[in-house]
PDB file of N, CA and C in Angstrom:
ATOM      1  N   UNK A   1      42.652 147.642  75.991  1.00  0.00           N
ATOM      2  CA  UNK A   1      41.837 148.499  75.164  1.00  0.00           C
ATOM      3  C   UNK A   1      42.619 148.821  73.896  1.00  0.00           C
ATOM      4  N   UNK A   2      41.960 148.701  72.782  1.00  0.00           N
ATOM      5  CA  UNK A   2      42.585 149.023  71.500  1.00  0.00           C
ATOM      6  C   UNK A   2      42.240 150.466  71.130  1.00  0.00           C
ATOM      7  N   UNK A   3      43.272 151.291  70.976  1.00  0.00           N
ATOM      8  CA  UNK A   3      43.080 152.678  70.565  1.00  0.00           C
ATOM      9  C   UNK A   3      43.665 152.863  69.175  1.00  0.00           C
ATOM     10  N   UNK A   4      43.011 153.674  68.362  1.00  0.00           N
ATOM     11  CA  UNK A   4      43.526 153.925  67.010  1.00  0.00           C
ATOM     12  C   UNK A   4      43.266 155.382  66.628  1.00  0.00           C
ATOM     13  N   UNK A   5      43.945 155.827  65.598  1.00  0.00           N
ATOM     14  CA  UNK A   5      43.784 157.196  65.104  1.00  0.00           C
ATOM     15  C   UNK A   5      42.320 157.432  64.746  1.00  0.00           C
ATOM     16  N   UNK A   6      41.794 158.566  65.190  1.00  0.00           N
ATOM     17  CA  UNK A   6      40.404 158.917  64.939  1.00  0.00           C
ATOM     18  C   UNK A   6      39.478 158.626  66.101  1.00  0.00           C
ATOM     19  N   UNK A   7      39.942 157.810  67.074  1.00  0.00           N
ATOM     20  CA  UNK A   7      39.112 157.521  68.250  1.00  0.00           C
ATOM     21  C   UNK A   7      38.978 158.767  69.111  1.00  0.00           C
ATOM     22  N   UNK A   8      37.780 158.967  69.668  1.00  0.00           N
ATOM     23  CA  UNK A   8      37.545 160.040  70.626  1.00  0.00           C
ATOM     24  C   UNK A   8      37.653 159.413  72.008  1.00  0.00           C
ATOM     25  N   UNK A   9      38.493 160.018  72.875  1.00  0.00           N
ATOM     26  CA  UNK A   9      38.713 159.462  74.203  1.00  0.00           C
ATOM     27  C   UNK A   9      38.546 160.535  75.274  1.00  0.00           C
ATOM     28  N   UNK A  10      38.386 160.070  76.491  1.00  0.00           N
ATOM     29  CA  UNK A  10      38.342 160.944  77.658  1.00  0.00           C
ATOM     30  C   UNK A  10      39.297 160.379  78.699  1.00  0.00           C
ATOM     31  N   UNK A  11      39.859 161.250  79.556  1.00  0.00           N
ATOM     32  CA  UNK A  11      40.762 160.824  80.612  1.00  0.00           C
ATOM     33  C   UNK A  11      40.775 161.866  81.719  1.00  0.00           C
ATOM     34  N   UNK A  12      41.251 161.439  82.895  1.00  0.00           N
ATOM     35  CA  UNK A  12      41.357 162.334  84.036  1.00  0.00           C
ATOM     36  C   UNK A  12      42.800 162.779  84.194  1.00  0.00           C
ATOM     37  N   UNK A  13      42.977 164.074  84.502  1.00  0.00           N
ATOM     38  CA  UNK A  13      44.306 164.615  84.728  1.00  0.00           C
ATOM     39  C   UNK A  13      44.211 165.685  85.807  1.00  0.00           C
ATOM     40  N   UNK A  14      45.332 166.328  86.100  1.00  0.00           N
ATOM     41  CA  UNK A  14      45.336 167.414  87.080  1.00  0.00           C
ATOM     42  C   UNK A  14      44.449 168.565  86.619  1.00  0.00           C
ATOM     43  N   UNK A  15      44.231 168.681  85.304  1.00  0.00           N
ATOM     44  CA  UNK A  15      43.380 169.731  84.750  1.00  0.00           C
ATOM     45  C   UNK A  15      41.899 169.342  84.778  1.00  0.00           C
ATOM     46  N   UNK A  16      41.582 168.165  85.286  1.00  0.00           N
ATOM     47  CA  UNK A  16      40.203 167.700  85.337  1.00  0.00           C
ATOM     48  C   UNK A  16      39.930 166.646  84.282  1.00  0.00           C
ATOM     49  N   UNK A  17      38.660 166.431  83.991  1.00  0.00           N
ATOM     50  CA  UNK A  17      38.250 165.458  82.968  1.00  0.00           C
ATOM     51  C   UNK A  17      38.409 166.103  81.598  1.00  0.00           C
ATOM     52  N   UNK A  18      39.221 165.508  80.729  1.00  0.00           N
ATOM     53  CA  UNK A  18      39.478 166.048  79.397  1.00  0.00           C
ATOM     54  C   UNK A  18      38.999 165.072  78.336  1.00  0.00           C
ATOM     55  N   UNK A  19      38.754 165.580  77.135  1.00  0.00           N
ATOM     56  CA  UNK A  19      38.344 164.737  76.009  1.00  0.00           C
ATOM     57  C   UNK A  19      38.998 165.274  74.744  1.00  0.00           C
ATOM     58  N   UNK A  20      39.346 164.370  73.843  1.00  0.00           N
ATOM     59  CA  UNK A  20      39.962 164.770  72.589  1.00  0.00           C
ATOM     60  C   UNK A  20      39.936 163.629  71.588  1.00  0.00           C
ATOM     61  N   UNK A  21      40.539 163.897  70.428  1.00  0.00           N
ATOM     62  CA  UNK A  21      40.578 162.926  69.328  1.00  0.00           C
ATOM     63  C   UNK A  21      42.026 162.541  69.058  1.00  0.00           C
ATOM     64  N   UNK A  22      42.289 161.243  68.989  1.00  0.00           N
ATOM     65  CA  UNK A  22      43.643 160.754  68.693  1.00  0.00           C
ATOM     66  C   UNK A  22      43.972 161.076  67.233  1.00  0.00           C
ATOM     67  N   UNK A  23      45.103 161.778  67.012  1.00  0.00           N
ATOM     68  CA  UNK A  23      45.517 162.069  65.639  1.00  0.00           C
ATOM     69  C   UNK A  23      46.840 161.414  65.253  1.00  0.00           C
ATOM     70  N   UNK A  24      47.536 160.808  66.220  1.00  0.00           N
ATOM     71  CA  UNK A  24      48.784 160.131  65.891  1.00  0.00           C
ATOM     72  C   UNK A  24      49.139 159.165  67.025  1.00  0.00           C
ATOM     73  N   UNK A  25      49.689 158.026  66.663  1.00  0.00           N
ATOM     74  CA  UNK A  25      50.248 157.082  67.629  1.00  0.00           C
ATOM     75  C   UNK A  25      51.630 156.708  67.118  1.00  0.00           C
ATOM     76  N   UNK A  26      52.645 156.891  67.965  1.00  0.00           N
ATOM     77  CA  UNK A  26      54.005 156.602  67.525  1.00  0.00           C
ATOM     78  C   UNK A  26      54.728 155.760  68.564  1.00  0.00           C
ATOM     79  N   UNK A  27      55.780 155.103  68.126  1.00  0.00           N
ATOM     80  CA  UNK A  27      56.635 154.302  69.000  1.00  0.00           C
ATOM     81  C   UNK A  27      58.012 154.948  69.030  1.00  0.00           C
ATOM     82  N   UNK A  28      58.562 155.085  70.237  1.00  0.00           N
ATOM     83  CA  UNK A  28      59.925 155.593  70.368  1.00  0.00           C
ATOM     84  C   UNK A  28      60.521 155.093  71.675  1.00  0.00           C
ATOM     85  N   UNK A  29      61.812 155.259  71.812  1.00  0.00           N
ATOM     86  CA  UNK A  29      62.503 154.825  73.024  1.00  0.00           C
ATOM     87  C   UNK A  29      62.210 155.788  74.168  1.00  0.00           C
ATOM     88  N   UNK A  30      62.086 155.221  75.383  1.00  0.00           N
ATOM     89  CA  UNK A  30      61.979 156.064  76.567  1.00  0.00           C
ATOM     90  C   UNK A  30      63.374 156.229  77.166  1.00  0.00           C
ATOM     91  N   UNK A  31      63.465 156.794  78.361  1.00  0.00           N
ATOM     92  CA  UNK A  31      64.763 157.038  78.989  1.00  0.00           C
ATOM     93  C   UNK A  31      65.511 155.743  79.303  1.00  0.00           C
ATOM     94  N   UNK A  32      64.782 154.639  79.464  1.00  0.00           N
ATOM     95  CA  UNK A  32      65.407 153.333  79.724  1.00  0.00           C
ATOM     96  C   UNK A  32      65.734 152.591  78.432  1.00  0.00           C
ATOM     97  N   UNK A  33      65.559 153.244  77.287  1.00  0.00           N
ATOM     98  CA  UNK A  33      65.783 152.640  75.965  1.00  0.00           C
ATOM     99  C   UNK A  33      64.830 151.486  75.693  1.00  0.00           C
ATOM    100  N   UNK A  34      63.609 151.585  76.232  1.00  0.00           N
ATOM    101  CA  UNK A  34      62.551 150.619  75.956  1.00  0.00           C
ATOM    102  C   UNK A  34      61.586 151.252  74.967  1.00  0.00           C
ATOM    103  N   UNK A  35      61.049 150.447  74.058  1.00  0.00           N
ATOM    104  CA  UNK A  35      60.067 150.953  73.103  1.00  0.00           C
ATOM    105  C   UNK A  35      58.776 151.298  73.846  1.00  0.00           C
ATOM    106  N   UNK A  36      58.300 152.516  73.633  1.00  0.00           N
ATOM    107  CA  UNK A  36      57.097 153.007  74.308  1.00  0.00           C
ATOM    108  C   UNK A  36      56.152 153.608  73.280  1.00  0.00           C
ATOM    109  N   UNK A  37      54.859 153.347  73.435  1.00  0.00           N
ATOM    110  CA  UNK A  37      53.845 153.959  72.567  1.00  0.00           C
ATOM    111  C   UNK A  37      53.495 155.340  73.114  1.00  0.00           C
ATOM    112  N   UNK A  38      53.345 156.312  72.230  1.00  0.00           N
ATOM    113  CA  UNK A  38      52.933 157.669  72.590  1.00  0.00           C
ATOM    114  C   UNK A  38      51.687 158.008  71.795  1.00  0.00           C
ATOM    115  N   UNK A  39      50.693 158.571  72.470  1.00  0.00           N
ATOM    116  CA  UNK A  39      49.407 158.885  71.846  1.00  0.00           C
ATOM    117  C   UNK A  39      49.251 160.394  71.801  1.00  0.00           C
ATOM    118  N   UNK A  40      49.152 160.962  70.596  1.00  0.00           N
ATOM    119  CA  UNK A  40      48.951 162.402  70.411  1.00  0.00           C
ATOM    120  C   UNK A  40      47.465 162.675  70.267  1.00  0.00           C
ATOM    121  N   UNK A  41      46.961 163.626  71.058  1.00  0.00           N
ATOM    122  CA  UNK A  41      45.530 163.905  71.115  1.00  0.00           C
ATOM    123  C   UNK A  41      45.283 165.377  70.851  1.00  0.00           C
ATOM    124  N   UNK A  42      44.326 165.652  69.982  1.00  0.00           N
ATOM    125  CA  UNK A  42      43.929 167.022  69.666  1.00  0.00           C
ATOM    126  C   UNK A  42      42.834 167.467  70.625  1.00  0.00           C
ATOM    127  N   UNK A  43      43.040 168.646  71.223  1.00  0.00           N
ATOM    128  CA  UNK A  43      42.044 169.265  72.104  1.00  0.00           C
ATOM    129  C   UNK A  43      41.626 170.599  71.485  1.00  0.00           C
ATOM    130  N   UNK A  44      41.190 170.566  70.254  1.00  0.00           N
ATOM    131  CA  UNK A  44      40.887 171.813  69.544  1.00  0.00           C
ATOM    132  C   UNK A  44      42.173 172.427  69.030  1.00  0.00           C
ATOM    133  N   UNK A  45      42.520 173.623  69.511  1.00  0.00           N
ATOM    134  CA  UNK A  45      43.738 174.300  69.061  1.00  0.00           C
ATOM    135  C   UNK A  45      44.981 173.800  69.796  1.00  0.00           C
ATOM    136  N   UNK A  46      44.785 173.054  70.860  1.00  0.00           N
ATOM    137  CA  UNK A  46      45.904 172.520  71.634  1.00  0.00           C
ATOM    138  C   UNK A  46      46.010 171.021  71.418  1.00  0.00           C
ATOM    139  N   UNK A  47      47.124 170.477  71.858  1.00  0.00           N
ATOM    140  CA  UNK A  47      47.307 169.038  71.782  1.00  0.00           C
ATOM    141  C   UNK A  47      48.067 168.546  72.994  1.00  0.00           C
ATOM    142  N   UNK A  48      47.929 167.276  73.272  1.00  0.00           N
ATOM    143  CA  UNK A  48      48.666 166.661  74.376  1.00  0.00           C
ATOM    144  C   UNK A  48      49.220 165.326  73.898  1.00  0.00           C
ATOM    145  N   UNK A  49      50.218 164.839  74.602  1.00  0.00           N
ATOM    146  CA  UNK A  49      50.808 163.536  74.306  1.00  0.00           C
ATOM    147  C   UNK A  49      50.763 162.709  75.581  1.00  0.00           C
ATOM    148  N   UNK A  50      50.143 161.543  75.485  1.00  0.00           N
ATOM    149  CA  UNK A  50      50.065 160.626  76.612  1.00  0.00           C
ATOM    150  C   UNK A  50      50.959 159.421  76.362  1.00  0.00           C
ATOM    151  N   UNK A  51      51.581 158.951  77.415  1.00  0.00           N
ATOM    152  CA  UNK A  51      52.321 157.701  77.337  1.00  0.00           C
ATOM    153  C   UNK A  51      51.299 156.580  77.226  1.00  0.00           C
ATOM    154  N   UNK A  52      51.450 155.722  76.249  1.00  0.00           N
ATOM    155  CA  UNK A  52      50.441 154.717  75.957  1.00  0.00           C
ATOM    156  C   UNK A  52      50.637 153.374  76.635  1.00  0.00           C
ATOM    157  N   UNK A  53      51.466 153.300  77.700  1.00  0.00           N
ATOM    158  CA  UNK A  53      51.593 151.990  78.345  1.00  0.00           C
ATOM    159  C   UNK A  53      50.342 151.707  79.178  1.00  0.00           C
ATOM    160  N   UNK A  54      50.059 150.448  79.382  1.00  0.00           N
ATOM    161  CA  UNK A  54      48.810 150.020  80.023  1.00  0.00           C
ATOM    162  C   UNK A  54      48.620 150.649  81.405  1.00  0.00           C
ATOM    163  N   UNK A  55      49.655 150.639  82.224  1.00  0.00           N
ATOM    164  CA  UNK A  55      49.551 151.176  83.573  1.00  0.00           C
ATOM    165  C   UNK A  55      49.166 152.646  83.585  1.00  0.00           C
ATOM    166  N   UNK A  56      49.732 153.417  82.683  1.00  0.00           N
ATOM    167  CA  UNK A  56      49.421 154.848  82.595  1.00  0.00           C
ATOM    168  C   UNK A  56      47.981 155.071  82.136  1.00  0.00           C
ATOM    169  N   UNK A  57      47.532 154.308  81.151  1.00  0.00           N
ATOM    170  CA  UNK A  57      46.164 154.466  80.653  1.00  0.00           C
ATOM    171  C   UNK A  57      45.139 154.101  81.730  1.00  0.00           C
ATOM    172  N   UNK A  58      45.419 153.080  82.521  1.00  0.00           N
ATOM    173  CA  UNK A  58      44.520 152.687  83.611  1.00  0.00           C
ATOM    174  C   UNK A  58      44.502 153.777  84.686  1.00  0.00           C
ATOM    175  N   UNK A  59      45.679 154.266  85.072  1.00  0.00           N
ATOM    176  CA  UNK A  59      45.775 155.285  86.104  1.00  0.00           C
ATOM    177  C   UNK A  59      45.019 156.559  85.719  1.00  0.00           C
ATOM    178  N   UNK A  60      45.085 156.929  84.439  1.00  0.00           N
ATOM    179  CA  UNK A  60      44.406 158.144  83.959  1.00  0.00           C
ATOM    180  C   UNK A  60      42.960 157.895  83.579  1.00  0.00           C
ATOM    181  N   UNK A  61      42.497 156.677  83.747  1.00  0.00           N
ATOM    182  CA  UNK A  61      41.111 156.283  83.461  1.00  0.00           C
ATOM    183  C   UNK A  61      40.697 156.656  82.029  1.00  0.00           C
ATOM    184  N   UNK A  62      41.562 156.290  81.064  1.00  0.00           N
ATOM    185  CA  UNK A  62      41.285 156.547  79.653  1.00  0.00           C
ATOM    186  C   UNK A  62      40.129 155.658  79.192  1.00  0.00           C
ATOM    187  N   UNK A  63      39.164 156.270  78.508  1.00  0.00           N
ATOM    188  CA  UNK A  63      38.018 155.538  77.969  1.00  0.00           C
ATOM    189  C   UNK A  63      37.657 156.089  76.599  1.00  0.00           C
ATOM    190  N   UNK A  64      37.190 155.211  75.715  1.00  0.00           N
ATOM    191  CA  UNK A  64      36.634 155.656  74.433  1.00  0.00           C
ATOM    192  C   UNK A  64      35.244 156.238  74.677  1.00  0.00           C
ATOM    193  N   UNK A  65      34.916 157.288  73.902  1.00  0.00           N
ATOM    194  CA  UNK A  65      33.559 157.849  74.007  1.00  0.00           C
ATOM    195  C   UNK A  65      32.912 157.909  72.637  1.00  0.00           C
TER     196      UNK A  65
END
Protein backbone atom coordinates (compact mmCIF):
# COMPACT_ATOMS: atom_id res chain seq x y z
CA UNK A 1 0.00 0.00 0.00
CA UNK A 2 1.33 3.41 -0.92
CA UNK A 3 0.79 6.03 1.80
CA UNK A 4 1.58 9.71 1.39
CA UNK A 5 1.17 12.98 3.27
CA UNK A 6 -2.46 14.09 3.25
CA UNK A 7 -3.92 10.57 3.10
CA UNK A 8 -6.71 9.81 5.57
CA UNK A 9 -6.24 6.38 7.16
CA UNK A 10 -7.83 4.13 9.75
CA UNK A 11 -6.22 1.43 11.92
CA UNK A 12 -6.92 -0.80 14.89
CA UNK A 13 -5.11 -0.36 18.20
CA UNK A 14 -5.59 -1.05 21.90
CA UNK A 15 -7.63 2.19 21.95
CA UNK A 16 -10.02 0.77 19.34
CA UNK A 17 -10.56 1.77 15.71
CA UNK A 18 -8.83 5.12 15.07
CA UNK A 19 -8.70 7.45 12.06
CA UNK A 20 -6.47 10.38 11.20
CA UNK A 21 -4.58 12.27 8.50
CA UNK A 22 -0.91 11.64 7.67
CA UNK A 23 1.05 14.89 8.11
CA UNK A 24 4.63 13.60 7.94
CA UNK A 25 6.59 10.53 6.84
CA UNK A 26 10.22 10.26 7.89
CA UNK A 27 13.07 7.76 7.73
CA UNK A 28 15.37 7.11 10.67
CA UNK A 29 17.40 4.34 12.25
CA UNK A 30 15.73 1.90 14.62
CA UNK A 31 17.44 0.19 17.58
CA UNK A 32 19.08 -2.30 15.18
CA UNK A 33 20.48 0.60 13.10
CA UNK A 34 18.17 -0.29 10.20
CA UNK A 35 16.41 2.43 8.22
CA UNK A 36 12.74 2.50 9.24
CA UNK A 37 9.83 4.58 7.95
CA UNK A 38 7.77 6.44 10.58
CA UNK A 39 4.30 7.80 9.84
CA UNK A 40 3.05 10.80 11.85
CA UNK A 41 -0.74 11.05 12.03
CA UNK A 42 -2.91 13.91 13.26
CA UNK A 43 -5.92 12.97 15.41
CA UNK A 44 -7.25 16.49 15.86
CA UNK A 45 -5.33 18.05 18.77
CA UNK A 46 -3.33 14.87 19.34
CA UNK A 47 -0.93 12.96 17.15
CA UNK A 48 0.52 9.49 16.93
CA UNK A 49 3.52 7.93 15.23
CA UNK A 50 3.28 4.51 13.63
CA UNK A 51 6.15 2.35 12.49
CA UNK A 52 5.70 2.13 8.73
CA UNK A 53 7.12 -1.33 8.06
CA UNK A 54 4.84 -3.68 6.13
CA UNK A 55 4.36 -6.21 8.94
CA UNK A 56 3.25 -3.53 11.40
CA UNK A 57 0.81 -1.93 8.95
CA UNK A 58 -0.77 -5.33 8.19
CA UNK A 59 -1.01 -6.24 11.88
CA UNK A 60 -2.73 -2.92 12.69
CA UNK A 61 -5.04 -3.30 9.68
CA UNK A 62 -4.13 0.12 8.26
CA UNK A 63 -6.43 1.19 5.41
CA UNK A 64 -6.96 4.36 3.38
CA UNK A 65 -10.41 5.91 3.75
